[in-house]
PDB file of N, CA and C in Angstrom:
ATOM      1  N   MET A   1     -25.302  -5.690  13.811  1.00  0.00           N
ATOM      2  CA  MET A   1     -25.480  -6.748  13.106  1.00  0.00           C
ATOM      3  C   MET A   1     -24.374  -7.658  12.866  1.00  0.00           C
ATOM      4  N   SER A   2     -24.547  -8.855  13.476  1.00  0.00           N
ATOM      5  CA  SER A   2     -23.076 -10.282  12.916  1.00  0.00           C
ATOM      6  C   SER A   2     -22.979 -11.151  12.147  1.00  0.00           C
ATOM      7  N   LEU A   3     -22.163 -10.938  11.497  1.00  0.00           N
ATOM      8  CA  LEU A   3     -22.147 -11.842  10.280  1.00  0.00           C
ATOM      9  C   LEU A   3     -21.823 -13.063  10.410  1.00  0.00           C
ATOM     10  N   SER A   4     -22.364 -14.157  10.305  1.00  0.00           N
ATOM     11  CA  SER A   4     -22.571 -15.830   9.921  1.00  0.00           C
ATOM     12  C   SER A   4     -21.181 -16.209   9.731  1.00  0.00           C
ATOM     13  N   LYS A   5     -21.050 -17.410   9.859  1.00  0.00           N
ATOM     14  CA  LYS A   5     -19.424 -18.072   9.926  1.00  0.00           C
ATOM     15  C   LYS A   5     -19.302 -18.233   8.190  1.00  0.00           C
ATOM     16  N   GLU A   6     -20.480 -18.435   7.441  1.00  0.00           N
ATOM     17  CA  GLU A   6     -20.367 -18.307   5.695  1.00  0.00           C
ATOM     18  C   GLU A   6     -20.693 -17.221   5.487  1.00  0.00           C
ATOM     19  N   GLU A   7     -20.647 -15.650   5.567  1.00  0.00           N
ATOM     20  CA  GLU A   7     -20.555 -14.463   5.538  1.00  0.00           C
ATOM     21  C   GLU A   7     -19.328 -13.953   5.222  1.00  0.00           C
ATOM     22  N   ILE A   8     -18.845 -14.822   6.722  1.00  0.00           N
ATOM     23  CA  ILE A   8     -17.329 -14.001   6.905  1.00  0.00           C
ATOM     24  C   ILE A   8     -16.505 -15.111   6.014  1.00  0.00           C
ATOM     25  N   ASN A   9     -16.460 -16.694   5.997  1.00  0.00           N
ATOM     26  CA  ASN A   9     -15.978 -17.264   4.459  1.00  0.00           C
ATOM     27  C   ASN A   9     -16.251 -16.094   3.440  1.00  0.00           C
ATOM     28  N   GLU A  10     -17.317 -15.623   3.183  1.00  0.00           N
ATOM     29  CA  GLU A  10     -17.103 -15.081   1.663  1.00  0.00           C
ATOM     30  C   GLU A  10     -17.003 -14.250   1.289  1.00  0.00           C
ATOM     31  N   LEU A  11     -16.234 -12.863   2.680  1.00  0.00           N
ATOM     32  CA  LEU A  11     -16.150 -11.996   2.589  1.00  0.00           C
ATOM     33  C   LEU A  11     -14.137 -12.357   2.759  1.00  0.00           C
ATOM     34  N   VAL A  12     -13.626 -13.657   3.176  1.00  0.00           N
ATOM     35  CA  VAL A  12     -12.569 -13.803   3.142  1.00  0.00           C
ATOM     36  C   VAL A  12     -11.972 -14.107   1.859  1.00  0.00           C
ATOM     37  N   ARG A  13     -13.362 -15.191   1.360  1.00  0.00           N
ATOM     38  CA  ARG A  13     -13.188 -15.582  -0.109  1.00  0.00           C
ATOM     39  C   ARG A  13     -12.429 -14.408  -0.877  1.00  0.00           C
ATOM     40  N   LEU A  14     -13.561 -13.572  -1.526  1.00  0.00           N
ATOM     41  CA  LEU A  14     -13.267 -12.505  -2.466  1.00  0.00           C
ATOM     42  C   LEU A  14     -11.943 -11.652  -1.696  1.00  0.00           C
ATOM     43  N   VAL A  15     -11.626 -11.860  -1.596  1.00  0.00           N
ATOM     44  CA  VAL A  15     -10.664 -10.690  -0.013  1.00  0.00           C
ATOM     45  C   VAL A  15      -9.416 -11.160  -0.628  1.00  0.00           C
ATOM     46  N   SER A  16      -8.893 -12.776  -0.659  1.00  0.00           N
ATOM     47  CA  SER A  16      -8.455 -13.326  -0.929  1.00  0.00           C
ATOM     48  C   SER A  16      -8.005 -13.434  -3.137  1.00  0.00           C
ATOM     49  N   LEU A  17      -9.514 -13.256  -3.671  1.00  0.00           N
ATOM     50  CA  LEU A  17      -9.361 -13.199  -4.917  1.00  0.00           C
ATOM     51  C   LEU A  17      -9.361 -12.188  -6.003  1.00  0.00           C
ATOM     52  N   THR A  18      -8.507 -10.975  -4.760  1.00  0.00           N
ATOM     53  CA  THR A  18      -8.908  -9.322  -5.261  1.00  0.00           C
ATOM     54  C   THR A  18      -7.207  -9.591  -6.208  1.00  0.00           C
ATOM     55  N   ASN A  19      -6.852  -8.749  -6.443  1.00  0.00           N
ATOM     56  CA  ASN A  19      -5.561  -8.032  -7.362  1.00  0.00           C
ATOM     57  C   ASN A  19      -5.199  -6.608  -7.385  1.00  0.00           C
ATOM     58  N   ASP A  20      -3.674  -6.421  -8.414  1.00  0.00           N
ATOM     59  CA  ASP A  20      -3.399  -5.033  -8.151  1.00  0.00           C
ATOM     60  C   ASP A  20      -4.147  -3.931  -9.180  1.00  0.00           C
ATOM     61  N   GLU A  21      -4.454  -5.517 -10.017  1.00  0.00           N
ATOM     62  CA  GLU A  21      -4.915  -3.880 -10.966  1.00  0.00           C
ATOM     63  C   GLU A  21      -6.756  -4.701 -11.044  1.00  0.00           C
ATOM     64  N   GLU A  22      -7.217  -3.920 -10.507  1.00  0.00           N
ATOM     65  CA  GLU A  22      -8.905  -4.607 -10.180  1.00  0.00           C
ATOM     66  C   GLU A  22      -9.580  -3.251 -11.450  1.00  0.00           C
ATOM     67  N   ILE A  23     -10.567  -4.124 -11.769  1.00  0.00           N
ATOM     68  CA  ILE A  23     -11.205  -2.895 -12.258  1.00  0.00           C
ATOM     69  C   ILE A  23     -12.737  -2.468 -11.567  1.00  0.00           C
ATOM     70  N   ASP A  24     -13.804  -1.326 -11.646  1.00  0.00           N
ATOM     71  CA  ASP A  24     -14.831  -1.634 -10.953  1.00  0.00           C
ATOM     72  C   ASP A  24     -16.398  -2.059 -11.596  1.00  0.00           C
ATOM     73  N   CYS A  25     -16.978  -2.507 -11.198  1.00  0.00           N
ATOM     74  CA  CYS A  25     -17.414  -2.340 -12.119  1.00  0.00           C
ATOM     75  C   CYS A  25     -18.632  -1.504 -13.329  1.00  0.00           C
ATOM     76  N   GLU A  26     -18.319  -0.301 -13.272  1.00  0.00           N
ATOM     77  CA  GLU A  26     -18.390   0.710 -14.741  1.00  0.00           C
ATOM     78  C   GLU A  26     -17.420   0.309 -15.903  1.00  0.00           C
ATOM     79  N   ARG A  27     -15.952   0.554 -14.710  1.00  0.00           N
ATOM     80  CA  ARG A  27     -15.209  -0.548 -16.444  1.00  0.00           C
ATOM     81  C   ARG A  27     -15.794  -1.734 -17.198  1.00  0.00           C
ATOM     82  N   CYS A  28     -15.600  -2.724 -16.064  1.00  0.00           N
ATOM     83  CA  CYS A  28     -16.188  -3.897 -16.656  1.00  0.00           C
ATOM     84  C   CYS A  28     -17.630  -3.682 -17.594  1.00  0.00           C
ATOM     85  N   LEU A  29     -18.535  -3.200 -16.856  1.00  0.00           N
ATOM     86  CA  LEU A  29     -19.546  -3.259 -18.349  1.00  0.00           C
ATOM     87  C   LEU A  29     -19.547  -2.190 -18.742  1.00  0.00           C
ATOM     88  N   SER A  30     -18.684  -1.303 -18.876  1.00  0.00           N
ATOM     89  CA  SER A  30     -18.143  -0.884 -20.272  1.00  0.00           C
ATOM     90  C   SER A  30     -17.228  -1.278 -21.800  1.00  0.00           C
ATOM     91  N   LEU A  31     -16.540  -2.485 -20.542  1.00  0.00           N
ATOM     92  CA  LEU A  31     -15.627  -3.716 -21.620  1.00  0.00           C
ATOM     93  C   LEU A  31     -17.059  -5.102 -22.056  1.00  0.00           C
ATOM     94  N   VAL A  32     -17.744  -5.107 -21.796  1.00  0.00           N
ATOM     95  CA  VAL A  32     -17.983  -6.514 -21.307  1.00  0.00           C
ATOM     96  C   VAL A  32     -18.822  -7.121 -22.834  1.00  0.00           C
ATOM     97  N   ALA A  33     -18.834  -5.842 -23.537  1.00  0.00           N
ATOM     98  CA  ALA A  33     -19.573  -6.126 -24.760  1.00  0.00           C
ATOM     99  C   ALA A  33     -18.223  -6.704 -25.975  1.00  0.00           C
ATOM    100  N   GLU A  34     -17.485  -6.452 -26.122  1.00  0.00           N
ATOM    101  CA  GLU A  34     -15.462  -6.254 -26.260  1.00  0.00           C
ATOM    102  C   GLU A  34     -15.270  -7.968 -26.235  1.00  0.00           C
ATOM    103  N   PHE A  35     -15.047  -8.142 -24.771  1.00  0.00           N
ATOM    104  CA  PHE A  35     -14.605  -9.785 -23.778  1.00  0.00           C
ATOM    105  C   PHE A  35     -15.557 -10.731 -24.529  1.00  0.00           C
ATOM    106  N   ALA A  36     -17.448 -10.099 -24.163  1.00  0.00           N
ATOM    107  CA  ALA A  36     -17.914 -11.153 -24.563  1.00  0.00           C
ATOM    108  C   ALA A  36     -17.961 -11.405 -26.351  1.00  0.00           C
ATOM    109  N   GLU A  37     -17.752 -10.701 -27.129  1.00  0.00           N
ATOM    110  CA  GLU A  37     -17.377 -11.187 -28.560  1.00  0.00           C
ATOM    111  C   GLU A  37     -15.997 -11.596 -29.272  1.00  0.00           C
ATOM    112  N   ARG A  38     -15.088 -10.849 -28.251  1.00  0.00           N
ATOM    113  CA  ARG A  38     -13.774 -11.735 -28.814  1.00  0.00           C
ATOM    114  C   ARG A  38     -13.882 -13.350 -28.089  1.00  0.00           C
ATOM    115  N   LYS A  39     -14.838 -13.528 -26.715  1.00  0.00           N
ATOM    116  CA  LYS A  39     -14.684 -15.106 -26.443  1.00  0.00           C
ATOM    117  C   LYS A  39     -15.607 -16.250 -27.554  1.00  0.00           C
ATOM    118  N   LEU A  40     -16.708 -15.324 -28.072  1.00  0.00           N
ATOM    119  CA  LEU A  40     -17.310 -15.785 -28.756  1.00  0.00           C
ATOM    120  C   LEU A  40     -16.768 -16.507 -29.732  1.00  0.00           C
ATOM    121  N   ALA A  41     -15.955 -16.033 -30.223  1.00  0.00           N
ATOM    122  CA  ALA A  41     -15.179 -15.630 -31.751  1.00  0.00           C
ATOM    123  C   ALA A  41     -13.999 -16.727 -31.379  1.00  0.00           C
ATOM    124  N   GLY A  42     -13.021 -16.755 -30.332  1.00  0.00           N
ATOM    125  CA  GLY A  42     -12.343 -17.530 -30.236  1.00  0.00           C
ATOM    126  C   GLY A  42     -11.114 -16.701 -29.945  1.00  0.00           C
ATOM    127  N   HIS A  43     -11.333 -15.548 -30.513  1.00  0.00           N
ATOM    128  CA  HIS A  43      -9.571 -14.974 -30.303  1.00  0.00           C
ATOM    129  C   HIS A  43      -9.391 -14.506 -29.023  1.00  0.00           C
ATOM    130  N   SER A  44      -7.619 -14.005 -28.809  1.00  0.00           N
ATOM    131  CA  SER A  44      -6.783 -14.050 -27.276  1.00  0.00           C
ATOM    132  C   SER A  44      -7.849 -13.144 -26.885  1.00  0.00           C
ATOM    133  N   ILE A  45      -7.260 -12.446 -25.826  1.00  0.00           N
ATOM    134  CA  ILE A  45      -7.711 -11.480 -24.596  1.00  0.00           C
ATOM    135  C   ILE A  45      -6.812 -10.990 -24.397  1.00  0.00           C
ATOM    136  N   PRO A  46      -6.758  -9.230 -24.804  1.00  0.00           N
ATOM    137  CA  PRO A  46      -5.695  -8.875 -24.630  1.00  0.00           C
ATOM    138  C   PRO A  46      -5.907  -8.691 -22.723  1.00  0.00           C
ATOM    139  N   ALA A  47      -4.505  -7.856 -22.190  1.00  0.00           N
ATOM    140  CA  ALA A  47      -4.777  -7.628 -21.169  1.00  0.00           C
ATOM    141  C   ALA A  47      -5.781  -6.751 -20.076  1.00  0.00           C
ATOM    142  N   GLU A  48      -5.921  -6.157 -20.767  1.00  0.00           N
ATOM    143  CA  GLU A  48      -7.091  -4.907 -20.720  1.00  0.00           C
ATOM    144  C   GLU A  48      -8.421  -6.127 -20.429  1.00  0.00           C
ATOM    145  N   LEU A  49      -8.737  -6.719 -21.111  1.00  0.00           N
ATOM    146  CA  LEU A  49      -9.824  -7.572 -20.745  1.00  0.00           C
ATOM    147  C   LEU A  49      -9.761  -8.282 -19.996  1.00  0.00           C
ATOM    148  N   ALA A  50      -8.662  -9.084 -19.458  1.00  0.00           N
ATOM    149  CA  ALA A  50      -8.424  -9.512 -19.157  1.00  0.00           C
ATOM    150  C   ALA A  50      -8.939  -9.353 -17.776  1.00  0.00           C
ATOM    151  N   ALA A  51      -8.644  -8.317 -16.905  1.00  0.00           N
ATOM    152  CA  ALA A  51      -9.291  -7.478 -15.845  1.00  0.00           C
ATOM    153  C   ALA A  51     -10.952  -8.147 -16.046  1.00  0.00           C
ATOM    154  N   VAL A  52     -11.342  -7.757 -17.208  1.00  0.00           N
ATOM    155  CA  VAL A  52     -13.032  -8.057 -16.497  1.00  0.00           C
ATOM    156  C   VAL A  52     -12.872  -9.927 -16.701  1.00  0.00           C
ATOM    157  N   ALA A  53     -12.222 -10.262 -17.100  1.00  0.00           N
ATOM    158  CA  ALA A  53     -13.290 -11.591 -16.443  1.00  0.00           C
ATOM    159  C   ALA A  53     -12.653 -12.032 -15.590  1.00  0.00           C
ATOM    160  N   HIS A  54     -11.324 -11.068 -14.987  1.00  0.00           N
ATOM    161  CA  HIS A  54     -10.980 -11.508 -13.578  1.00  0.00           C
ATOM    162  C   HIS A  54     -12.602 -10.871 -12.415  1.00  0.00           C
ATOM    163  N   HIS A  55     -13.051  -9.901 -13.178  1.00  0.00           N
ATOM    164  CA  HIS A  55     -14.183  -8.632 -12.808  1.00  0.00           C
ATOM    165  C   HIS A  55     -15.124  -9.206 -12.788  1.00  0.00           C
ATOM    166  N   LEU A  56     -15.360 -10.760 -13.130  1.00  0.00           N
ATOM    167  CA  LEU A  56     -16.201 -11.784 -13.474  1.00  0.00           C
ATOM    168  C   LEU A  56     -16.486 -12.439 -12.680  1.00  0.00           C
ATOM    169  N   SER A  57     -15.287 -13.236 -12.164  1.00  0.00           N
ATOM    170  CA  SER A  57     -14.954 -14.067 -11.515  1.00  0.00           C
ATOM    171  C   SER A  57     -15.867 -13.893  -9.803  1.00  0.00           C
ATOM    172  N   ILE A  58     -15.560 -13.082  -9.902  1.00  0.00           N
ATOM    173  CA  ILE A  58     -15.350 -11.704  -8.336  1.00  0.00           C
ATOM    174  C   ILE A  58     -16.502 -11.048  -8.154  1.00  0.00           C
ATOM    175  N   CYS A  59     -17.971 -11.146  -8.793  1.00  0.00           N
ATOM    176  CA  CYS A  59     -18.559 -10.132  -8.742  1.00  0.00           C
ATOM    177  C   CYS A  59     -19.871 -10.527  -9.780  1.00  0.00           C
ATOM    178  N   ALA A  60     -20.402 -10.788  -9.049  1.00  0.00           N
ATOM    179  CA  ALA A  60     -22.151 -11.749  -9.208  1.00  0.00           C
ATOM    180  C   ALA A  60     -22.678 -10.628  -9.835  1.00  0.00           C
ATOM    181  N   GLU A  61     -23.438  -9.489  -9.622  1.00  0.00           N
ATOM    182  CA  GLU A  61     -24.409  -8.756 -10.469  1.00  0.00           C
ATOM    183  C   GLU A  61     -23.816  -8.543 -12.213  1.00  0.00           C
ATOM    184  N   CYS A  62     -22.272  -8.235 -11.880  1.00  0.00           N
ATOM    185  CA  CYS A  62     -21.743  -8.288 -13.462  1.00  0.00           C
ATOM    186  C   CYS A  62     -21.570  -9.805 -13.891  1.00  0.00           C
ATOM    187  N   SER A  63     -21.625 -10.410 -12.860  1.00  0.00           N
ATOM    188  CA  SER A  63     -21.165 -12.112 -14.651  1.00  0.00           C
ATOM    189  C   SER A  63     -22.676 -12.213 -14.772  1.00  0.00           C
ATOM    190  N   GLU A  64     -23.866 -11.777 -13.960  1.00  0.00           N
ATOM    191  CA  GLU A  64     -25.233 -12.211 -14.494  1.00  0.00           C
ATOM    192  C   GLU A  64     -25.249 -11.217 -15.862  1.00  0.00           C
ATOM    193  N   GLU A  65     -24.995  -9.352 -15.323  1.00  0.00           N
ATOM    194  CA  GLU A  65     -25.384  -9.494 -16.848  1.00  0.00           C
ATOM    195  C   GLU A  65     -24.396 -10.118 -18.198  1.00  0.00           C
ATOM    196  N   TYR A  66     -23.429 -10.426 -18.007  1.00  0.00           N
ATOM    197  CA  TYR A  66     -21.849 -11.011 -18.856  1.00  0.00           C
ATOM    198  C   TYR A  66     -23.058 -11.972 -19.418  1.00  0.00           C
ATOM    199  N   ALA A  67     -23.590 -12.788 -18.702  1.00  0.00           N
ATOM    200  CA  ALA A  67     -24.875 -13.771 -18.698  1.00  0.00           C
ATOM    201  C   ALA A  67     -25.731 -13.618 -19.133  1.00  0.00           C
ATOM    202  N   LEU A  68     -26.598 -12.314 -19.361  1.00  0.00           N
ATOM    203  CA  LEU A  68     -27.021 -12.563 -20.264  1.00  0.00           C
ATOM    204  C   LEU A  68     -27.243 -11.734 -21.480  1.00  0.00           C
ATOM    205  N   LEU A  69     -25.565 -11.022 -21.006  1.00  0.00           N
ATOM    206  CA  LEU A  69     -25.641 -10.615 -22.984  1.00  0.00           C
ATOM    207  C   LEU A  69     -25.260 -11.530 -23.973  1.00  0.00           C
ATOM    208  N   LEU A  70     -24.309 -12.670 -23.385  1.00  0.00           N
ATOM    209  CA  LEU A  70     -24.483 -13.595 -23.796  1.00  0.00           C
ATOM    210  C   LEU A  70     -25.147 -14.477 -24.486  1.00  0.00           C
ATOM    211  N   GLN A  71     -26.853 -14.543 -23.725  1.00  0.00           N
ATOM    212  CA  GLN A  71     -27.702 -15.083 -24.441  1.00  0.00           C
ATOM    213  C   GLN A  71     -28.743 -14.017 -25.609  1.00  0.00           C
ATOM    214  N   MET A  72     -28.146 -12.990 -25.355  1.00  0.00           N
ATOM    215  CA  MET A  72     -28.368 -11.795 -26.300  1.00  0.00           C
ATOM    216  C   MET A  72     -27.479 -12.887 -27.752  1.00  0.00           C
ATOM    217  N   MET A  73     -26.530 -12.625 -27.682  1.00  0.00           N
ATOM    218  CA  MET A  73     -25.596 -12.545 -28.512  1.00  0.00           C
ATOM    219  C   MET A  73     -25.868 -13.802 -29.561  1.00  0.00           C
ATOM    220  N   ASN A  74     -25.997 -14.796 -28.730  1.00  0.00           N
ATOM    221  CA  ASN A  74     -25.949 -16.469 -29.024  1.00  0.00           C
ATOM    222  C   ASN A  74     -27.789 -16.628 -29.653  1.00  0.00           C
ATOM    223  N   GLY A  75     -28.535 -15.293 -29.171  1.00  0.00           N
ATOM    224  CA  GLY A  75     -29.773 -15.321 -30.613  1.00  0.00           C
ATOM    225  C   GLY A  75     -30.759 -16.420 -30.211  1.00  0.00           C
TER     226      GLY A  75
END
């Protein structure tokens, strides 16, 4: 199985976005409600939750869950 040029470019882009303090999807989803509440209230985001923001920027599945959560919270 070979990858297309677009797929390779996307993989390279995702690798370039990684940092030393990554969290996985499970950890992200355990913190995403607190992250959403703080964002909606306009409160600052502490360092641990900054990792959630980073994860959401590179993980489509968690970003989708976050978007659904925001929809539910906005009512």
